């Protein structure tokens, strides 16, 4: 039964059941008392000047909730004029990490309004798309014409063993075409069984002389090297080359 503060009645005989019910009801009421663990101001409202102040209080889940109604105060007297404002000064501009909030600090030193800014930098952008292929560049200039061909030079003639293939090496030093020849010599003729000279080879000496008659004049147009070299080895080579060219003329 609920607690009834009128029981037991005055001058009534004591009944244990009535006393027990009242005590049990008080126990239930005590257990239902809300325990306050926090307080929270939900709102503060400004009322017109002269209105009565008011406060509303409620309990929700162990938290006291306050709502204040406070009347506006009377207007105070005019204060003294402050110092003149001269200029604004930016003391610092700090770069903070991406995502941090921007902030500004303001102070007044009596003459200057001083600012300090915190500005977050932007996040790194993603990789851009690949660029277009560049077009073909303009054609290059033609190279200068090389030096003119001056003459042919025979650097050496080597005699090879019979049966070896003839060889020729050719190079160009920028002015001269240079040749190196390898020519096999013919087989020796053998004597007959009676000790006499054997028959001539496939080409007789007379046929060879007739075949090469006048051909050596082809080297007459090969010029000699007439400018001496300061280097001794090069000068010796120049003299030997001139000697070969002159010996080949007819």
C-alpha atoms as a PDB file:
ATOM      1  CA  UNK A   1       0.000   0.000   0.000  1.00  0.00           C
ATOM      2  CA  UNK A   2       1.262   3.606  -0.503  1.00  0.00           C
ATOM      3  CA  UNK A   3       2.658   5.541   2.406  1.00  0.00           C
ATOM      4  CA  UNK A   4      -0.042   7.387   4.394  1.00  0.00           C
ATOM      5  CA  UNK A   5       1.384   9.959   6.805  1.00  0.00           C
ATOM      6  CA  UNK A   6      -1.951  10.012   8.745  1.00  0.00           C
ATOM      7  CA  UNK A   7      -1.443   6.427   9.961  1.00  0.00           C
ATOM      8  CA  UNK A   8      -1.551   5.273  12.655  1.00  0.00           C
ATOM      9  CA  UNK A   9      -4.432   7.417  13.860  1.00  0.00           C
ATOM     10  CA  UNK A  10      -4.015   9.323  17.084  1.00  0.00           C
ATOM     11  CA  UNK A  11      -4.963   7.327  20.229  1.00  0.00           C
ATOM     12  CA  UNK A  12      -5.584   4.182  18.122  1.00  0.00           C
ATOM     13  CA  UNK A  13      -4.396   0.874  19.426  1.00  0.00           C
ATOM     14  CA  UNK A  14      -1.082  -0.219  17.944  1.00  0.00           C
ATOM     15  CA  UNK A  15      -1.476  -2.730  15.165  1.00  0.00           C
ATOM     16  CA  UNK A  16       1.661  -4.435  13.852  1.00  0.00           C
ATOM     17  CA  UNK A  17       0.289  -4.748  10.320  1.00  0.00           C
ATOM     18  CA  UNK A  18      -0.374  -1.019  10.028  1.00  0.00           C
ATOM     19  CA  UNK A  19       3.136  -0.204  11.290  1.00  0.00           C
ATOM     20  CA  UNK A  20       4.666  -2.823   8.935  1.00  0.00           C
ATOM     21  CA  UNK A  21       2.831  -1.409   5.905  1.00  0.00           C
ATOM     22  CA  UNK A  22       3.928   2.139   6.670  1.00  0.00           C
ATOM     23  CA  UNK A  23       7.571   1.089   7.092  1.00  0.00           C
ATOM     24  CA  UNK A  24       7.464  -0.860   3.843  1.00  0.00           C
ATOM     25  CA  UNK A  25       6.025   2.164   2.019  1.00  0.00           C
ATOM     26  CA  UNK A  26       8.785   4.412   3.389  1.00  0.00           C
ATOM     27  CA  UNK A  27      11.411   1.893   2.197  1.00  0.00           C
ATOM     28  CA  UNK A  28       9.964   2.023  -1.323  1.00  0.00           C
ATOM     29  CA  UNK A  29       9.975   5.850  -1.317  1.00  0.00           C
ATOM     30  CA  UNK A  30      13.619   5.971  -0.146  1.00  0.00           C
ATOM     31  CA  UNK A  31      14.699   3.577  -2.913  1.00  0.00           C
ATOM     32  CA  UNK A  32      12.935   5.723  -5.508  1.00  0.00           C
ATOM     33  CA  UNK A  33      14.844   8.895  -4.579  1.00  0.00           C
ATOM     34  CA  UNK A  34      16.862  10.057  -7.651  1.00  0.00           C
ATOM     35  CA  UNK A  35      20.629  10.442  -7.145  1.00  0.00           C
ATOM     36  CA  UNK A  36      21.921  13.677  -8.726  1.00  0.00           C
ATOM     37  CA  UNK A  37      25.375  13.257 -10.308  1.00  0.00           C
ATOM     38  CA  UNK A  38      25.623  16.337 -12.596  1.00  0.00           C
ATOM     39  CA  UNK A  39      24.160  19.757 -13.267  1.00  0.00           C
ATOM     40  CA  UNK A  40      23.589  21.339 -16.672  1.00  0.00           C
ATOM     41  CA  UNK A  41      22.485  24.826 -17.745  1.00  0.00           C
ATOM     42  CA  UNK A  42      20.176  24.363 -20.728  1.00  0.00           C
ATOM     43  CA  UNK A  43      19.521  28.032 -21.474  1.00  0.00           C
ATOM     44  CA  UNK A  44      19.985  31.601 -20.255  1.00  0.00           C
ATOM     45  CA  UNK A  45      17.384  34.039 -21.539  1.00  0.00           C
ATOM     46  CA  UNK A  46      17.658  37.820 -21.310  1.00  0.00           C
ATOM     47  CA  UNK A  47      14.366  39.490 -20.274  1.00  0.00           C
ATOM     48  CA  UNK A  48      13.381  43.160 -20.661  1.00  0.00           C
ATOM     49  CA  UNK A  49      14.601  45.560 -18.017  1.00  0.00           C
ATOM     50  CA  UNK A  50      12.444  45.381 -14.849  1.00  0.00           C
ATOM     51  CA  UNK A  51      11.140  41.833 -15.472  1.00  0.00           C
ATOM     52  CA  UNK A  52      11.387  39.356 -12.550  1.00  0.00           C
ATOM     53  CA  UNK A  53      14.185  36.804 -12.686  1.00  0.00           C
ATOM     54  CA  UNK A  54      13.146  33.162 -12.882  1.00  0.00           C
ATOM     55  CA  UNK A  55      14.783  29.745 -12.844  1.00  0.00           C
ATOM     56  CA  UNK A  56      13.352  26.377 -13.834  1.00  0.00           C
ATOM     57  CA  UNK A  57      14.858  23.134 -12.476  1.00  0.00           C
ATOM     58  CA  UNK A  58      14.195  19.577 -13.578  1.00  0.00           C
ATOM     59  CA  UNK A  59      15.840  16.180 -13.058  1.00  0.00           C
ATOM     60  CA  UNK A  60      16.542  13.799 -15.907  1.00  0.00           C
ATOM     61  CA  UNK A  61      18.580  10.644 -15.473  1.00  0.00           C
ATOM     62  CA  UNK A  62      20.494  11.918 -12.448  1.00  0.00           C
ATOM     63  CA  UNK A  63      21.239  15.336 -14.049  1.00  0.00           C
ATOM     64  CA  UNK A  64      19.819  18.640 -12.817  1.00  0.00           C
ATOM     65  CA  UNK A  65      18.707  20.852 -15.717  1.00  0.00           C
ATOM     66  CA  UNK A  66      18.517  24.617 -15.223  1.00  0.00           C
ATOM     67  CA  UNK A  67      16.877  27.284 -17.371  1.00  0.00           C
ATOM     68  CA  UNK A  68      17.477  30.904 -16.282  1.00  0.00           C
ATOM     69  CA  UNK A  69      15.465  34.011 -17.164  1.00  0.00           C
ATOM     70  CA  UNK A  70      17.511  37.099 -16.233  1.00  0.00           C
ATOM     71  CA  UNK A  71      16.271  40.667 -16.781  1.00  0.00           C
ATOM     72  CA  UNK A  72      18.491  43.154 -18.617  1.00  0.00           C
ATOM     73  CA  UNK A  73      20.287  45.623 -16.318  1.00  0.00           C
ATOM     74  CA  UNK A  74      20.049  49.376 -16.499  1.00  0.00           C
ATOM     75  CA  UNK A  75      22.312  51.162 -18.970  1.00  0.00           C
ATOM     76  CA  UNK A  76      25.529  52.319 -17.322  1.00  0.00           C
ATOM     77  CA  UNK A  77      27.138  55.754 -17.685  1.00  0.00           C
ATOM     78  CA  UNK A  78      29.302  56.562 -20.715  1.00  0.00           C
ATOM     79  CA  UNK A  79      32.886  55.415 -20.216  1.00  0.00           C
ATOM     80  CA  UNK A  80      35.969  57.470 -20.921  1.00  0.00           C
ATOM     81  CA  UNK A  81      37.197  57.646 -24.499  1.00  0.00           C
ATOM     82  CA  UNK A  82      39.839  55.035 -25.252  1.00  0.00           C
ATOM     83  CA  UNK A  83      43.212  55.681 -26.911  1.00  0.00           C
ATOM     84  CA  UNK A  84      43.132  56.278 -30.659  1.00  0.00           C
ATOM     85  CA  UNK A  85      43.461  53.293 -32.942  1.00  0.00           C
ATOM     86  CA  UNK A  86      46.650  53.675 -34.926  1.00  0.00           C
ATOM     87  CA  UNK A  87      47.133  50.614 -37.105  1.00  0.00           C
ATOM     88  CA  UNK A  88      46.908  46.820 -37.360  1.00  0.00           C
ATOM     89  CA  UNK A  89      50.019  44.682 -37.062  1.00  0.00           C
ATOM     90  CA  UNK A  90      50.289  41.016 -38.133  1.00  0.00           C
ATOM     91  CA  UNK A  91      52.730  39.422 -35.694  1.00  0.00           C
ATOM     92  CA  UNK A  92      52.790  35.939 -37.260  1.00  0.00           C
ATOM     93  CA  UNK A  93      51.190  33.707 -39.871  1.00  0.00           C
ATOM     94  CA  UNK A  94      51.622  30.022 -38.954  1.00  0.00           C
ATOM     95  CA  UNK A  95      50.989  27.102 -41.295  1.00  0.00           C
ATOM     96  CA  UNK A  96      49.232  24.216 -39.535  1.00  0.00           C
ATOM     97  CA  UNK A  97      48.552  20.667 -40.723  1.00  0.00           C
ATOM     98  CA  UNK A  98      45.756  19.877 -43.189  1.00  0.00           C
ATOM     99  CA  UNK A  99      42.434  19.410 -41.395  1.00  0.00           C
ATOM    100  CA  UNK A 100      43.386  21.555 -38.380  1.00  0.00           C
ATOM    101  CA  UNK A 101      40.993  24.484 -37.784  1.00  0.00           C
ATOM    102  CA  UNK A 102      42.049  27.956 -38.828  1.00  0.00           C
ATOM    103  CA  UNK A 103      42.510  30.370 -35.920  1.00  0.00           C
ATOM    104  CA  UNK A 104      43.232  34.050 -35.349  1.00  0.00           C
ATOM    105  CA  UNK A 105      44.532  35.702 -32.215  1.00  0.00           C
ATOM    106  CA  UNK A 106      43.845  39.419 -31.580  1.00  0.00           C
ATOM    107  CA  UNK A 107      45.294  41.713 -28.940  1.00  0.00           C
ATOM    108  CA  UNK A 108      45.574  45.447 -28.376  1.00  0.00           C
ATOM    109  CA  UNK A 109      48.765  46.995 -26.975  1.00  0.00           C
ATOM    110  CA  UNK A 110      47.278  50.469 -26.441  1.00  0.00           C
ATOM    111  CA  UNK A 111      48.090  51.679 -29.944  1.00  0.00           C
ATOM    112  CA  UNK A 112      48.091  48.745 -32.366  1.00  0.00           C
ATOM    113  CA  UNK A 113      45.670  45.902 -32.931  1.00  0.00           C
ATOM    114  CA  UNK A 114      47.910  42.842 -33.236  1.00  0.00           C
ATOM    115  CA  UNK A 115      46.945  39.679 -35.156  1.00  0.00           C
ATOM    116  CA  UNK A 116      48.320  36.140 -35.186  1.00  0.00           C
ATOM    117  CA  UNK A 117      46.958  33.760 -37.854  1.00  0.00           C
ATOM    118  CA  UNK A 118      46.988  29.935 -37.971  1.00  0.00           C
ATOM    119  CA  UNK A 119      46.145  28.776 -41.512  1.00  0.00           C
ATOM    120  CA  UNK A 120      46.025  25.052 -42.454  1.00  0.00           C
ATOM    121  CA  UNK A 121      47.844  24.081 -45.595  1.00  0.00           C
ATOM    122  CA  UNK A 122      45.974  22.225 -48.307  1.00  0.00           C
ATOM    123  CA  UNK A 123      46.176  18.458 -48.680  1.00  0.00           C
ATOM    124  CA  UNK A 124      48.416  16.988 -51.328  1.00  0.00           C
ATOM    125  CA  UNK A 125      46.625  16.616 -54.631  1.00  0.00           C
ATOM    126  CA  UNK A 126      46.396  13.349 -56.488  1.00  0.00           C
ATOM    127  CA  UNK A 127      48.603  12.481 -59.415  1.00  0.00           C
ATOM    128  CA  UNK A 128      47.525  14.234 -62.571  1.00  0.00           C
ATOM    129  CA  UNK A 129      46.814  12.492 -65.879  1.00  0.00           C
ATOM    130  CA  UNK A 130      49.644  11.656 -68.223  1.00  0.00           C
ATOM    131  CA  UNK A 131      50.570  14.444 -70.603  1.00  0.00           C
ATOM    132  CA  UNK A 132      50.187  14.258 -74.355  1.00  0.00           C
ATOM    133  CA  UNK A 133      53.062  13.007 -76.457  1.00  0.00           C
ATOM    134  CA  UNK A 134      55.147  15.788 -77.849  1.00  0.00           C
ATOM    135  CA  UNK A 135      55.207  16.251 -81.598  1.00  0.00           C
ATOM    136  CA  UNK A 136      58.215  15.623 -83.739  1.00  0.00           C
ATOM    137  CA  UNK A 137      60.837  18.290 -83.303  1.00  0.00           C
ATOM    138  CA  UNK A 138      62.114  20.424 -86.186  1.00  0.00           C
ATOM    139  CA  UNK A 139      64.660  18.775 -88.484  1.00  0.00           C
ATOM    140  CA  UNK A 140      68.278  19.331 -87.590  1.00  0.00           C
ATOM    141  CA  UNK A 141      70.682  21.255 -89.751  1.00  0.00           C
ATOM    142  CA  UNK A 142      72.689  19.318 -92.259  1.00  0.00           C
ATOM    143  CA  UNK A 143      76.237  18.730 -91.168  1.00  0.00           C
ATOM    144  CA  UNK A 144      79.063  20.546 -92.875  1.00  0.00           C
ATOM    145  CA  UNK A 145      80.549  18.902 -95.940  1.00  0.00           C
ATOM    146  CA  UNK A 146      83.491  16.681 -95.131  1.00  0.00           C
ATOM    147  CA  UNK A 147      87.029  17.379 -96.343  1.00  0.00           C
ATOM    148  CA  UNK A 148      87.733  16.582-100.005  1.00  0.00           C
ATOM    149  CA  UNK A 149      89.387  13.314-100.982  1.00  0.00           C
ATOM    150  CA  UNK A 150      93.036  14.162-101.611  1.00  0.00           C
ATOM    151  CA  UNK A 151      94.940  11.024-102.590  1.00  0.00           C
ATOM    152  CA  UNK A 152      95.455   7.314-102.121  1.00  0.00           C
ATOM    153  CA  UNK A 153      98.310   6.060 -99.982  1.00  0.00           C
ATOM    154  CA  UNK A 154      99.746   2.520 -99.940  1.00  0.00           C
ATOM    155  CA  UNK A 155     100.852   1.871 -96.379  1.00  0.00           C
ATOM    156  CA  UNK A 156     102.355  -1.555 -97.003  1.00  0.00           C
ATOM    157  CA  UNK A 157     102.659  -4.551 -99.363  1.00  0.00           C
ATOM    158  CA  UNK A 158     103.234  -7.893 -97.636  1.00  0.00           C
ATOM    159  CA  UNK A 159     104.351 -11.102 -99.432  1.00  0.00           C
ATOM    160  CA  UNK A 160     102.355 -14.121 -98.320  1.00  0.00           C
ATOM    161  CA  UNK A 161     103.151 -17.824 -98.681  1.00  0.00           C
ATOM    162  CA  UNK A 162     102.041 -19.624-101.850  1.00  0.00           C
ATOM    163  CA  UNK A 163      98.414 -20.702-101.709  1.00  0.00           C
ATOM    164  CA  UNK A 164      97.291 -18.024 -99.235  1.00  0.00           C
ATOM    165  CA  UNK A 165      94.481 -15.721-100.449  1.00  0.00           C
ATOM    166  CA  UNK A 166      95.400 -12.223-101.435  1.00  0.00           C
ATOM    167  CA  UNK A 167      94.177  -9.496 -99.053  1.00  0.00           C
ATOM    168  CA  UNK A 168      93.654  -5.779 -99.159  1.00  0.00           C
ATOM    169  CA  UNK A 169      92.921  -3.413 -96.239  1.00  0.00           C
ATOM    170  CA  UNK A 170      91.386   0.011 -96.815  1.00  0.00           C
ATOM    171  CA  UNK A 171      90.980   2.936 -94.383  1.00  0.00           C
ATOM    172  CA  UNK A 172      90.341   6.680 -94.607  1.00  0.00           C
ATOM    173  CA  UNK A 173      92.137   9.173 -92.332  1.00  0.00           C
ATOM    174  CA  UNK A 174      90.082  12.205 -93.349  1.00  0.00           C
ATOM    175  CA  UNK A 175      92.202  13.134 -96.332  1.00  0.00           C
ATOM    176  CA  UNK A 176      93.798   9.969 -97.736  1.00  0.00           C
ATOM    177  CA  UNK A 177      92.481   6.545 -98.673  1.00  0.00           C
ATOM    178  CA  UNK A 178      95.075   4.158 -97.242  1.00  0.00           C
ATOM    179  CA  UNK A 179      95.728   0.664 -98.628  1.00  0.00           C
ATOM    180  CA  UNK A 180      97.521  -2.364 -97.216  1.00  0.00           C
ATOM    181  CA  UNK A 181      98.079  -5.308 -99.606  1.00  0.00           C
ATOM    182  CA  UNK A 182      98.878  -8.955 -98.897  1.00  0.00           C
ATOM    183  CA  UNK A 183     100.022 -10.810-102.091  1.00  0.00           C
ATOM    184  CA  UNK A 184     101.033 -14.514-102.098  1.00  0.00           C
ATOM    185  CA  UNK A 185     104.197 -15.424-103.976  1.00  0.00           C
ATOM    186  CA  UNK A 186     104.158 -18.096-106.707  1.00  0.00           C
ATOM    187  CA  UNK A 187     105.316 -21.710-106.296  1.00  0.00           C
ATOM    188  CA  UNK A 188     108.976 -22.492-107.123  1.00  0.00           C
ATOM    189  CA  UNK A 189     109.412 -24.484-110.375  1.00  0.00           C
ATOM    190  CA  UNK A 190     110.882 -28.020-109.874  1.00  0.00           C
ATOM    191  CA  UNK A 191     113.706 -29.509-111.917  1.00  0.00           C
ATOM    192  CA  UNK A 192     113.117 -32.383-114.292  1.00  0.00           C
ATOM    193  CA  UNK A 193     114.301 -35.925-113.655  1.00  0.00           C
ATOM    194  CA  UNK A 194     117.474 -35.292-115.657  1.00  0.00           C
ATOM    195  CA  UNK A 195     118.338 -32.267-113.569  1.00  0.00           C
ATOM    196  CA  UNK A 196     117.257 -29.827-116.233  1.00  0.00           C
ATOM    197  CA  UNK A 197     114.962 -26.951-115.490  1.00  0.00           C
ATOM    198  CA  UNK A 198     111.354 -27.989-115.465  1.00  0.00           C
ATOM    199  CA  UNK A 199     108.676 -26.514-117.727  1.00  0.00           C
ATOM    200  CA  UNK A 200     107.549 -22.971-117.009  1.00  0.00           C
ATOM    201  CA  UNK A 201     104.542 -22.356-114.815  1.00  0.00           C
ATOM    202  CA  UNK A 202     101.080 -21.380-115.993  1.00  0.00           C
ATOM    203  CA  UNK A 203     102.363 -17.797-116.712  1.00  0.00           C
ATOM    204  CA  UNK A 204     105.849 -17.231-118.108  1.00  0.00           C
ATOM    205  CA  UNK A 205     108.008 -14.313-117.106  1.00  0.00           C
ATOM    206  CA  UNK A 206     107.590 -12.811-120.573  1.00  0.00           C
ATOM    207  CA  UNK A 207     103.802 -13.026-120.279  1.00  0.00           C
ATOM    208  CA  UNK A 208     103.954 -11.411-116.814  1.00  0.00           C
ATOM    209  CA  UNK A 209     106.198  -8.583-118.060  1.00  0.00           C
ATOM    210  CA  UNK A 210     103.872  -7.998-120.981  1.00  0.00           C
ATOM    211  CA  UNK A 211     100.804  -7.991-118.740  1.00  0.00           C
ATOM    212  CA  UNK A 212     102.142  -5.423-116.283  1.00  0.00           C
ATOM    213  CA  UNK A 213     103.925  -3.316-118.882  1.00  0.00           C
ATOM    214  CA  UNK A 214     102.825   0.302-118.446  1.00  0.00           C
ATOM    215  CA  UNK A 215     100.512  -0.409-115.503  1.00  0.00           C
ATOM    216  CA  UNK A 216     102.954   0.951-112.933  1.00  0.00           C
ATOM    217  CA  UNK A 217     102.392   4.389-114.363  1.00  0.00           C
ATOM    218  CA  UNK A 218      99.071   4.341-112.503  1.00  0.00           C
ATOM    219  CA  UNK A 219     100.998   5.343-109.361  1.00  0.00           C
ATOM    220  CA  UNK A 220     102.513   8.395-111.037  1.00  0.00           C
ATOM    221  CA  UNK A 221      99.458  10.432-109.984  1.00  0.00           C
ATOM    222  CA  UNK A 222      99.958   9.607-106.314  1.00  0.00           C
ATOM    223  CA  UNK A 223     101.406  12.710-104.648  1.00  0.00           C
ATOM    224  CA  UNK A 224     104.174  12.562-102.100  1.00  0.00           C
ATOM    225  CA  UNK A 225     103.936  14.053 -98.634  1.00  0.00           C
ATOM    226  CA  UNK A 226     106.093  17.167 -98.834  1.00  0.00           C
ATOM    227  CA  UNK A 227     105.410  18.704 -95.403  1.00  0.00           C
ATOM    228  CA  UNK A 228     107.787  17.490 -92.731  1.00  0.00           C
ATOM    229  CA  UNK A 229     106.511  16.333 -89.318  1.00  0.00           C
ATOM    230  CA  UNK A 230     107.937  17.559 -86.036  1.00  0.00           C
ATOM    231  CA  UNK A 231     107.510  14.089 -84.531  1.00  0.00           C
ATOM    232  CA  UNK A 232     110.557  11.927 -85.476  1.00  0.00           C
ATOM    233  CA  UNK A 233     108.559   8.711 -85.910  1.00  0.00           C
ATOM    234  CA  UNK A 234     105.999  10.416 -88.139  1.00  0.00           C
ATOM    235  CA  UNK A 235     108.790  12.038 -90.175  1.00  0.00           C
ATOM    236  CA  UNK A 236     110.505   8.650 -90.715  1.00  0.00           C
ATOM    237  CA  UNK A 237     107.196   7.161 -91.853  1.00  0.00           C
ATOM    238  CA  UNK A 238     106.669  10.103 -94.235  1.00  0.00           C
ATOM    239  CA  UNK A 239     110.084   9.584 -95.845  1.00  0.00           C
ATOM    240  CA  UNK A 240     109.528   5.837 -96.309  1.00  0.00           C
ATOM    241  CA  UNK A 241     106.108   6.460 -97.826  1.00  0.00           C
ATOM    242  CA  UNK A 242     107.558   8.967-100.287  1.00  0.00           C
ATOM    243  CA  UNK A 243     110.299   6.469-101.123  1.00  0.00           C
ATOM    244  CA  UNK A 244     107.713   3.807-101.961  1.00  0.00           C
ATOM    245  CA  UNK A 245     105.661   6.224-104.082  1.00  0.00           C
ATOM    246  CA  UNK A 246     108.745   7.389-106.054  1.00  0.00           C
ATOM    247  CA  UNK A 247     109.989   3.832-106.614  1.00  0.00           C
ATOM    248  CA  UNK A 248     106.662   2.872-108.096  1.00  0.00           C
ATOM    249  CA  UNK A 249     106.731   5.570-110.762  1.00  0.00           C
ATOM    250  CA  UNK A 250     107.855   4.869-114.352  1.00  0.00           C
END
